Amino acid sequence: MKLKFMCSAHREYLINEPSRAVAFFTCGFDTAQVFCDTKSWMEALPHAGCAFETSDIILTMKSAEKKKAIEYMTSSTVILAFILLKLGKVEDARDVYWSTITRLELELSEHGAEYSDLHQSLRFLYNSIESLIANYHIPQYTLGGETQVAYGSIH
């Protein structure tokens, strides 16, 4: 399953106006955190999802500091997976972790990211996914080829 949170217009805007992406990420992440603090998981979900998708846009920006972009991606992965678990969407949480691991490994292999920048995040994400799989007794990973599910968009 491929999770989708951001509408195509916002995605296109952030790709074309990368200077706005960090502010959009921060707003989404902070808003998700406020909703999490009050256990408002459904309200937090689209904001965390948009922050997660924005972190990928930031990671692709040539002007972005890679270490900071990796931190954004890792932190938005953790909050999004946490919210999905609170909503009982265990396999979606697993898929979020795996998609980030795959994305960061791609950054390492194809885009020349420094291993030292990625090592801590990848180790943390691998530990998180191993714990999730062990605690919830779910299959490893089945993301490829499945339909997209839109959880909500921020407009």
N, C-alpha and C. Protein backbone atom coordinates (compact mmCIF):
# COMPACT_ATOMS: atom_id res chain seq x y z
N MET A 1 0.85 -1.18 0.00
CA MET A 1 0.00 0.00 0.00
C MET A 1 0.89 1.24 0.00
N LYS A 2 0.57 2.18 -0.83
CA LYS A 2 1.31 3.44 -0.85
C LYS A 2 0.42 4.50 -0.22
N LEU A 3 0.89 5.04 0.87
CA LEU A 3 0.13 6.06 1.58
C LEU A 3 0.25 7.39 0.86
N LYS A 4 -0.83 8.14 0.84
CA LYS A 4 -0.84 9.44 0.17
C LYS A 4 -1.56 10.43 1.08
N PHE A 5 -0.88 11.51 1.36
CA PHE A 5 -1.45 12.52 2.25
C PHE A 5 -1.55 13.89 1.60
N MET A 6 -0.56 14.24 0.80
CA MET A 6 -0.49 15.59 0.24
C MET A 6 -1.16 15.62 -1.13
N CYS A 7 -1.96 16.64 -1.35
CA CYS A 7 -2.59 16.79 -2.66
C CYS A 7 -1.52 17.14 -3.70
N SER A 8 -1.80 16.84 -4.94
CA SER A 8 -0.82 17.05 -6.01
C SER A 8 -0.46 18.53 -6.17
N ALA A 9 -1.41 19.42 -5.92
CA ALA A 9 -1.12 20.86 -6.06
C ALA A 9 -0.08 21.31 -5.03
N HIS A 10 -0.22 20.85 -3.79
CA HIS A 10 0.77 21.22 -2.77
C HIS A 10 2.13 20.58 -3.06
N ARG A 11 2.11 19.35 -3.51
CA ARG A 11 3.37 18.67 -3.84
C ARG A 11 4.09 19.44 -4.95
N GLU A 12 3.38 19.79 -5.97
CA GLU A 12 3.97 20.53 -7.09
C GLU A 12 4.49 21.90 -6.64
N TYR A 13 3.72 22.56 -5.81
CA TYR A 13 4.13 23.86 -5.28
C TYR A 13 5.45 23.75 -4.52
N LEU A 14 5.56 22.76 -3.64
CA LEU A 14 6.77 22.60 -2.83
C LEU A 14 7.97 22.19 -3.68
N ILE A 15 7.74 21.42 -4.70
CA ILE A 15 8.82 21.05 -5.62
C ILE A 15 9.32 22.28 -6.37
N ASN A 16 8.40 23.14 -6.78
CA ASN A 16 8.76 24.34 -7.53
C ASN A 16 9.22 25.50 -6.64
N GLU A 17 8.86 25.47 -5.38
CA GLU A 17 9.24 26.51 -4.41
C GLU A 17 9.90 25.85 -3.20
N PRO A 18 11.08 25.28 -3.39
CA PRO A 18 11.69 24.51 -2.31
C PRO A 18 11.99 25.31 -1.05
N SER A 19 12.10 26.62 -1.17
CA SER A 19 12.35 27.43 0.02
C SER A 19 11.17 27.37 1.00
N ARG A 20 10.01 27.02 0.52
CA ARG A 20 8.82 26.92 1.37
C ARG A 20 8.69 25.55 2.03
N ALA A 21 9.44 24.57 1.54
CA ALA A 21 9.27 23.19 2.01
C ALA A 21 9.60 23.02 3.49
N VAL A 22 10.66 23.65 3.96
CA VAL A 22 11.04 23.50 5.37
C VAL A 22 9.96 24.10 6.28
N ALA A 23 9.42 25.24 5.91
CA ALA A 23 8.35 25.85 6.71
C ALA A 23 7.10 24.97 6.70
N PHE A 24 6.78 24.40 5.55
CA PHE A 24 5.62 23.51 5.44
C PHE A 24 5.83 22.26 6.29
N PHE A 25 7.05 21.70 6.24
CA PHE A 25 7.37 20.54 7.06
C PHE A 25 7.17 20.88 8.54
N THR A 26 7.76 21.97 8.98
CA THR A 26 7.72 22.36 10.39
C THR A 26 6.28 22.56 10.86
N CYS A 27 5.50 23.21 10.05
CA CYS A 27 4.10 23.45 10.41
C CYS A 27 3.35 22.12 10.55
N GLY A 28 3.51 21.23 9.57
CA GLY A 28 2.84 19.94 9.61
C GLY A 28 3.29 19.09 10.79
N PHE A 29 4.59 19.04 11.01
CA PHE A 29 5.13 18.23 12.10
C PHE A 29 4.67 18.77 13.45
N ASP A 30 4.78 20.08 13.64
CA ASP A 30 4.38 20.68 14.92
C ASP A 30 2.88 20.52 15.18
N THR A 31 2.08 20.66 14.14
CA THR A 31 0.63 20.49 14.30
C THR A 31 0.30 19.05 14.66
N ALA A 32 0.97 18.11 14.00
CA ALA A 32 0.76 16.70 14.33
C ALA A 32 1.13 16.44 15.79
N GLN A 33 2.21 17.02 16.24
CA GLN A 33 2.65 16.83 17.62
C GLN A 33 1.62 17.38 18.61
N VAL A 34 1.05 18.53 18.30
CA VAL A 34 0.02 19.10 19.18
C VAL A 34 -1.17 18.16 19.28
N PHE A 35 -1.60 17.62 18.15
CA PHE A 35 -2.72 16.67 18.17
C PHE A 35 -2.36 15.39 18.90
N CYS A 36 -1.12 14.94 18.75
CA CYS A 36 -0.67 13.75 19.49
C CYS A 36 -0.70 13.99 20.99
N ASP A 37 -0.31 15.17 21.39
CA ASP A 37 -0.30 15.50 22.82
C ASP A 37 -1.68 15.38 23.45
N THR A 38 -2.72 15.57 22.63
CA THR A 38 -4.09 15.45 23.14
C THR A 38 -4.74 14.13 22.71
N LYS A 39 -3.92 13.21 22.18
CA LYS A 39 -4.39 11.89 21.73
C LYS A 39 -5.46 11.98 20.64
N SER A 40 -5.37 13.02 19.84
CA SER A 40 -6.29 13.21 18.71
C SER A 40 -5.64 12.63 17.46
N TRP A 41 -5.60 11.30 17.41
CA TRP A 41 -4.82 10.59 16.38
C TRP A 41 -5.32 10.86 14.97
N MET A 42 -6.63 10.85 14.76
CA MET A 42 -7.16 11.10 13.41
C MET A 42 -6.84 12.51 12.92
N GLU A 43 -6.88 13.47 13.83
CA GLU A 43 -6.56 14.84 13.45
C GLU A 43 -5.06 15.00 13.18
N ALA A 44 -4.25 14.23 13.89
CA ALA A 44 -2.79 14.31 13.71
C ALA A 44 -2.34 13.66 12.41
N LEU A 45 -3.06 12.64 11.96
CA LEU A 45 -2.62 11.84 10.83
C LEU A 45 -2.32 12.62 9.55
N PRO A 46 -3.22 13.45 9.03
CA PRO A 46 -2.88 14.14 7.78
C PRO A 46 -1.71 15.12 7.92
N HIS A 47 -1.56 15.71 9.08
CA HIS A 47 -0.45 16.65 9.29
C HIS A 47 0.89 15.90 9.33
N ALA A 48 0.91 14.78 10.04
CA ALA A 48 2.13 13.97 10.08
C ALA A 48 2.44 13.41 8.70
N GLY A 49 1.41 13.00 7.98
CA GLY A 49 1.61 12.47 6.63
C GLY A 49 2.16 13.52 5.68
N CYS A 50 1.66 14.73 5.77
CA CYS A 50 2.19 15.80 4.92
C CYS A 50 3.64 16.14 5.30
N ALA A 51 3.94 16.14 6.58
CA ALA A 51 5.33 16.38 7.00
C ALA A 51 6.23 15.28 6.46
N PHE A 52 5.77 14.05 6.52
CA PHE A 52 6.52 12.90 6.01
C PHE A 52 6.81 13.06 4.51
N GLU A 53 5.78 13.38 3.74
CA GLU A 53 5.97 13.55 2.30
C GLU A 53 6.83 14.77 1.99
N THR A 54 6.70 15.82 2.77
CA THR A 54 7.52 17.01 2.56
C THR A 54 8.98 16.71 2.86
N SER A 55 9.24 15.86 3.83
CA SER A 55 10.63 15.52 4.16
C SER A 55 11.33 14.86 2.97
N ASP A 56 10.58 14.10 2.18
CA ASP A 56 11.16 13.50 0.99
C ASP A 56 11.51 14.56 -0.05
N ILE A 57 10.66 15.55 -0.18
CA ILE A 57 10.93 16.67 -1.10
C ILE A 57 12.18 17.41 -0.64
N ILE A 58 12.30 17.65 0.66
CA ILE A 58 13.46 18.34 1.21
C ILE A 58 14.73 17.54 0.95
N LEU A 59 14.66 16.23 1.10
CA LEU A 59 15.82 15.38 0.88
C LEU A 59 16.32 15.46 -0.56
N THR A 60 15.43 15.70 -1.49
CA THR A 60 15.83 15.78 -2.90
C THR A 60 16.36 17.15 -3.30
N MET A 61 16.17 18.16 -2.44
CA MET A 61 16.62 19.51 -2.77
C MET A 61 18.14 19.60 -2.72
N LYS A 62 18.70 20.16 -3.74
CA LYS A 62 20.16 20.31 -3.79
C LYS A 62 20.65 21.30 -2.73
N SER A 63 19.83 22.27 -2.38
CA SER A 63 20.24 23.29 -1.41
C SER A 63 20.11 22.82 0.04
N ALA A 64 19.45 21.69 0.25
CA ALA A 64 19.21 21.23 1.62
C ALA A 64 20.47 20.63 2.24
N GLU A 65 20.65 20.90 3.51
CA GLU A 65 21.72 20.25 4.26
C GLU A 65 21.27 18.80 4.48
N LYS A 66 22.03 17.84 3.96
CA LYS A 66 21.63 16.43 3.97
C LYS A 66 21.37 15.91 5.38
N LYS A 67 22.22 16.26 6.30
CA LYS A 67 22.06 15.75 7.67
C LYS A 67 20.72 16.21 8.25
N LYS A 68 20.37 17.46 8.02
CA LYS A 68 19.10 18.00 8.53
C LYS A 68 17.92 17.35 7.80
N ALA A 69 18.05 17.16 6.49
CA ALA A 69 16.98 16.53 5.71
C ALA A 69 16.74 15.10 6.19
N ILE A 70 17.81 14.39 6.51
CA ILE A 70 17.69 13.02 7.03
C ILE A 70 17.00 13.04 8.38
N GLU A 71 17.32 14.02 9.20
CA GLU A 71 16.66 14.17 10.50
C GLU A 71 15.17 14.42 10.33
N TYR A 72 14.81 15.28 9.38
CA TYR A 72 13.38 15.55 9.11
C TYR A 72 12.67 14.26 8.69
N MET A 73 13.30 13.52 7.79
CA MET A 73 12.67 12.30 7.30
C MET A 73 12.51 11.28 8.43
N THR A 74 13.53 11.12 9.23
CA THR A 74 13.48 10.15 10.33
C THR A 74 12.43 10.55 11.36
N SER A 75 12.42 11.80 11.77
CA SER A 75 11.46 12.22 12.80
C SER A 75 10.02 12.16 12.29
N SER A 76 9.79 12.51 11.03
CA SER A 76 8.42 12.43 10.51
C SER A 76 7.99 10.98 10.33
N THR A 77 8.92 10.09 10.03
CA THR A 77 8.62 8.66 9.94
C THR A 77 8.16 8.14 11.30
N VAL A 78 8.87 8.51 12.33
CA VAL A 78 8.56 8.01 13.67
C VAL A 78 7.18 8.50 14.13
N ILE A 79 6.89 9.77 13.94
CA ILE A 79 5.59 10.27 14.41
C ILE A 79 4.46 9.69 13.57
N LEU A 80 4.66 9.56 12.26
CA LEU A 80 3.62 9.00 11.40
C LEU A 80 3.37 7.53 11.76
N ALA A 81 4.42 6.75 11.92
CA ALA A 81 4.25 5.34 12.29
C ALA A 81 3.57 5.21 13.65
N PHE A 82 3.94 6.06 14.59
CA PHE A 82 3.33 6.04 15.92
C PHE A 82 1.83 6.30 15.83
N ILE A 83 1.44 7.30 15.05
CA ILE A 83 0.02 7.62 14.88
C ILE A 83 -0.71 6.46 14.22
N LEU A 84 -0.11 5.90 13.18
CA LEU A 84 -0.74 4.76 12.50
C LEU A 84 -0.93 3.59 13.46
N LEU A 85 0.05 3.34 14.31
CA LEU A 85 -0.10 2.27 15.31
C LEU A 85 -1.24 2.58 16.28
N LYS A 86 -1.34 3.82 16.71
CA LYS A 86 -2.42 4.21 17.63
C LYS A 86 -3.79 4.02 16.98
N LEU A 87 -3.83 4.12 15.64
CA LEU A 87 -5.08 3.95 14.90
C LEU A 87 -5.31 2.49 14.49
N GLY A 88 -4.40 1.61 14.90
CA GLY A 88 -4.55 0.20 14.57
C GLY A 88 -4.10 -0.17 13.16
N LYS A 89 -3.40 0.72 12.50
CA LYS A 89 -2.92 0.49 11.12
C LYS A 89 -1.48 -0.03 11.17
N VAL A 90 -1.30 -1.23 11.70
CA VAL A 90 0.02 -1.79 11.96
C VAL A 90 0.81 -1.99 10.67
N GLU A 91 0.18 -2.55 9.65
CA GLU A 91 0.90 -2.79 8.40
C GLU A 91 1.27 -1.48 7.70
N ASP A 92 0.44 -0.47 7.83
CA ASP A 92 0.79 0.84 7.27
C ASP A 92 1.99 1.43 8.00
N ALA A 93 2.03 1.25 9.32
CA ALA A 93 3.18 1.74 10.09
C ALA A 93 4.45 1.02 9.64
N ARG A 94 4.35 -0.27 9.44
CA ARG A 94 5.48 -1.04 8.94
C ARG A 94 5.93 -0.51 7.58
N ASP A 95 4.97 -0.25 6.71
CA ASP A 95 5.30 0.24 5.37
C ASP A 95 5.96 1.61 5.40
N VAL A 96 5.57 2.45 6.34
CA VAL A 96 6.20 3.76 6.49
C VAL A 96 7.66 3.59 6.87
N TYR A 97 7.92 2.74 7.85
CA TYR A 97 9.32 2.48 8.23
C TYR A 97 10.12 1.95 7.04
N TRP A 98 9.57 0.94 6.35
CA TRP A 98 10.31 0.35 5.23
C TRP A 98 10.53 1.35 4.10
N SER A 99 9.55 2.17 3.82
CA SER A 99 9.73 3.14 2.72
C SER A 99 10.84 4.13 3.06
N THR A 100 10.94 4.52 4.32
CA THR A 100 12.01 5.44 4.72
C THR A 100 13.36 4.75 4.68
N ILE A 101 13.43 3.53 5.16
CA ILE A 101 14.69 2.78 5.10
C ILE A 101 15.15 2.65 3.64
N THR A 102 14.22 2.29 2.76
CA THR A 102 14.54 2.15 1.34
C THR A 102 15.01 3.48 0.76
N ARG A 103 14.32 4.55 1.12
CA ARG A 103 14.66 5.88 0.60
C ARG A 103 16.03 6.32 1.08
N LEU A 104 16.33 6.11 2.33
CA LEU A 104 17.63 6.52 2.86
C LEU A 104 18.76 5.65 2.31
N GLU A 105 18.50 4.37 2.11
CA GLU A 105 19.51 3.52 1.50
C GLU A 105 19.77 3.93 0.05
N LEU A 106 18.74 4.36 -0.64
CA LEU A 106 18.90 4.88 -2.00
C LEU A 106 19.76 6.13 -1.99
N GLU A 107 19.53 6.96 -1.02
CA GLU A 107 20.32 8.18 -0.87
C GLU A 107 21.80 7.84 -0.69
N LEU A 108 22.04 6.79 0.04
CA LEU A 108 23.41 6.34 0.28
C LEU A 108 24.04 5.77 -0.98
N SER A 109 23.29 4.92 -1.69
CA SER A 109 23.88 4.21 -2.83
C SER A 109 23.92 5.03 -4.12
N GLU A 110 22.92 5.88 -4.35
CA GLU A 110 22.85 6.58 -5.63
C GLU A 110 23.16 8.06 -5.57
N HIS A 111 23.03 8.65 -4.43
CA HIS A 111 23.16 10.10 -4.35
C HIS A 111 24.37 10.53 -3.53
N GLY A 112 25.18 9.57 -3.16
CA GLY A 112 26.44 9.89 -2.50
C GLY A 112 26.34 10.48 -1.12
N ALA A 113 25.26 10.18 -0.41
CA ALA A 113 25.15 10.68 0.96
C ALA A 113 26.24 10.02 1.81
N GLU A 114 26.70 10.73 2.79
CA GLU A 114 27.72 10.21 3.67
C GLU A 114 27.12 9.16 4.61
N TYR A 115 27.81 8.06 4.74
CA TYR A 115 27.36 7.00 5.63
C TYR A 115 27.21 7.51 7.06
N SER A 116 28.12 8.35 7.48
CA SER A 116 28.06 8.88 8.85
C SER A 116 26.77 9.67 9.09
N ASP A 117 26.26 10.33 8.04
CA ASP A 117 25.01 11.09 8.17
C ASP A 117 23.80 10.16 8.30
N LEU A 118 23.88 8.99 7.68
CA LEU A 118 22.75 8.07 7.63
C LEU A 118 22.78 6.98 8.69
N HIS A 119 23.94 6.66 9.17
CA HIS A 119 24.12 5.50 10.04
C HIS A 119 23.17 5.50 11.25
N GLN A 120 23.12 6.57 11.99
CA GLN A 120 22.29 6.62 13.20
C GLN A 120 20.81 6.47 12.86
N SER A 121 20.36 7.16 11.81
CA SER A 121 18.95 7.07 11.43
C SER A 121 18.59 5.67 10.96
N LEU A 122 19.43 5.10 10.11
CA LEU A 122 19.14 3.75 9.61
C LEU A 122 19.13 2.72 10.74
N ARG A 123 20.08 2.82 11.65
CA ARG A 123 20.13 1.89 12.78
C ARG A 123 18.85 2.01 13.61
N PHE A 124 18.44 3.24 13.89
CA PHE A 124 17.23 3.47 14.68
C PHE A 124 15.99 2.91 13.95
N LEU A 125 15.90 3.17 12.64
CA LEU A 125 14.74 2.70 11.88
C LEU A 125 14.71 1.18 11.78
N TYR A 126 15.86 0.55 11.58
CA TYR A 126 15.90 -0.92 11.56
C TYR A 126 15.49 -1.50 12.92
N ASN A 127 15.95 -0.91 14.00
CA ASN A 127 15.54 -1.37 15.34
C ASN A 127 14.04 -1.19 15.53
N SER A 128 13.49 -0.09 15.03
CA SER A 128 12.06 0.16 15.16
C SER A 128 11.24 -0.85 14.39
N ILE A 129 11.64 -1.14 13.17
CA ILE A 129 10.88 -2.09 12.35
C ILE A 129 10.99 -3.50 12.91
N GLU A 130 12.16 -3.87 13.41
CA GLU A 130 12.31 -5.19 14.02
C GLU A 130 11.41 -5.32 15.24
N SER A 131 11.34 -4.30 16.05
CA SER A 131 10.48 -4.31 17.22
C SER A 131 9.01 -4.39 16.82
N LEU A 132 8.63 -3.64 15.82
CA LEU A 132 7.25 -3.64 15.34
C LEU A 132 6.85 -5.03 14.85
N ILE A 133 7.69 -5.62 14.03
CA ILE A 133 7.40 -6.95 13.48
C ILE A 133 7.31 -7.99 14.59
N ALA A 134 8.23 -7.93 15.55
CA ALA A 134 8.22 -8.89 16.65
C ALA A 134 7.00 -8.71 17.56
N ASN A 135 6.67 -7.47 17.89
CA ASN A 135 5.57 -7.21 18.83
C ASN A 135 4.19 -7.43 18.23
N TYR A 136 4.05 -7.22 16.91
CA TYR A 136 2.73 -7.33 16.29
C TYR A 136 2.59 -8.56 15.41
N HIS A 137 3.66 -9.35 15.29
CA HIS A 137 3.63 -10.60 14.52
C HIS A 137 3.06 -10.38 13.12
N ILE A 138 3.65 -9.43 12.41
CA ILE A 138 3.19 -9.11 11.06
C ILE A 138 4.25 -9.53 10.05
N PRO A 139 3.84 -9.72 8.79
CA PRO A 139 4.82 -10.05 7.74
C PRO A 139 5.83 -8.93 7.57
N GLN A 140 6.99 -9.28 7.03
CA GLN A 140 8.08 -8.32 6.87
C GLN A 140 7.69 -7.10 6.05
N TYR A 141 7.30 -7.31 4.76
CA TYR A 141 7.10 -6.15 3.89
C TYR A 141 6.40 -6.57 2.61
N THR A 142 5.32 -5.87 2.26
CA THR A 142 4.59 -6.18 1.04
C THR A 142 4.09 -4.91 0.37
N LEU A 143 4.94 -3.92 0.21
CA LEU A 143 4.50 -2.63 -0.32
C LEU A 143 4.26 -2.64 -1.82
N GLY A 144 5.10 -3.29 -2.59
CA GLY A 144 5.08 -3.19 -4.05
C GLY A 144 3.78 -3.60 -4.70
N GLY A 145 3.35 -2.79 -5.66
CA GLY A 145 2.23 -3.13 -6.52
C GLY A 145 0.84 -2.97 -5.94
N GLU A 146 0.71 -2.47 -4.75
CA GLU A 146 -0.62 -2.33 -4.17
C GLU A 146 -1.19 -0.95 -4.44
N THR A 147 -2.48 -0.82 -4.20
CA THR A 147 -3.16 0.43 -4.49
C THR A 147 -2.81 1.52 -3.49
N GLN A 148 -3.00 2.75 -3.90
CA GLN A 148 -2.76 3.89 -3.03
C GLN A 148 -3.99 4.15 -2.18
N VAL A 149 -3.75 4.58 -0.97
CA VAL A 149 -4.84 4.96 -0.07
C VAL A 149 -4.57 6.39 0.37
N ALA A 150 -5.52 7.27 0.10
CA ALA A 150 -5.39 8.65 0.53
C ALA A 150 -6.02 8.78 1.91
N TYR A 151 -5.23 9.20 2.89
CA TYR A 151 -5.72 9.37 4.27
C TYR A 151 -6.24 10.76 4.53
N GLY A 152 -6.08 11.64 3.62
CA GLY A 152 -6.52 13.01 3.83
C GLY A 152 -5.47 13.97 3.35
N SER A 153 -5.91 15.10 2.92
CA SER A 153 -4.99 16.10 2.42
C SER A 153 -5.15 17.39 3.20
N ILE A 154 -4.08 18.12 3.26
CA ILE A 154 -4.11 19.44 3.88
C ILE A 154 -4.22 20.44 2.74
N HIS A 155 -5.19 21.30 2.79
CA HIS A 155 -5.36 22.30 1.72
C HIS A 155 -5.17 23.68 2.25
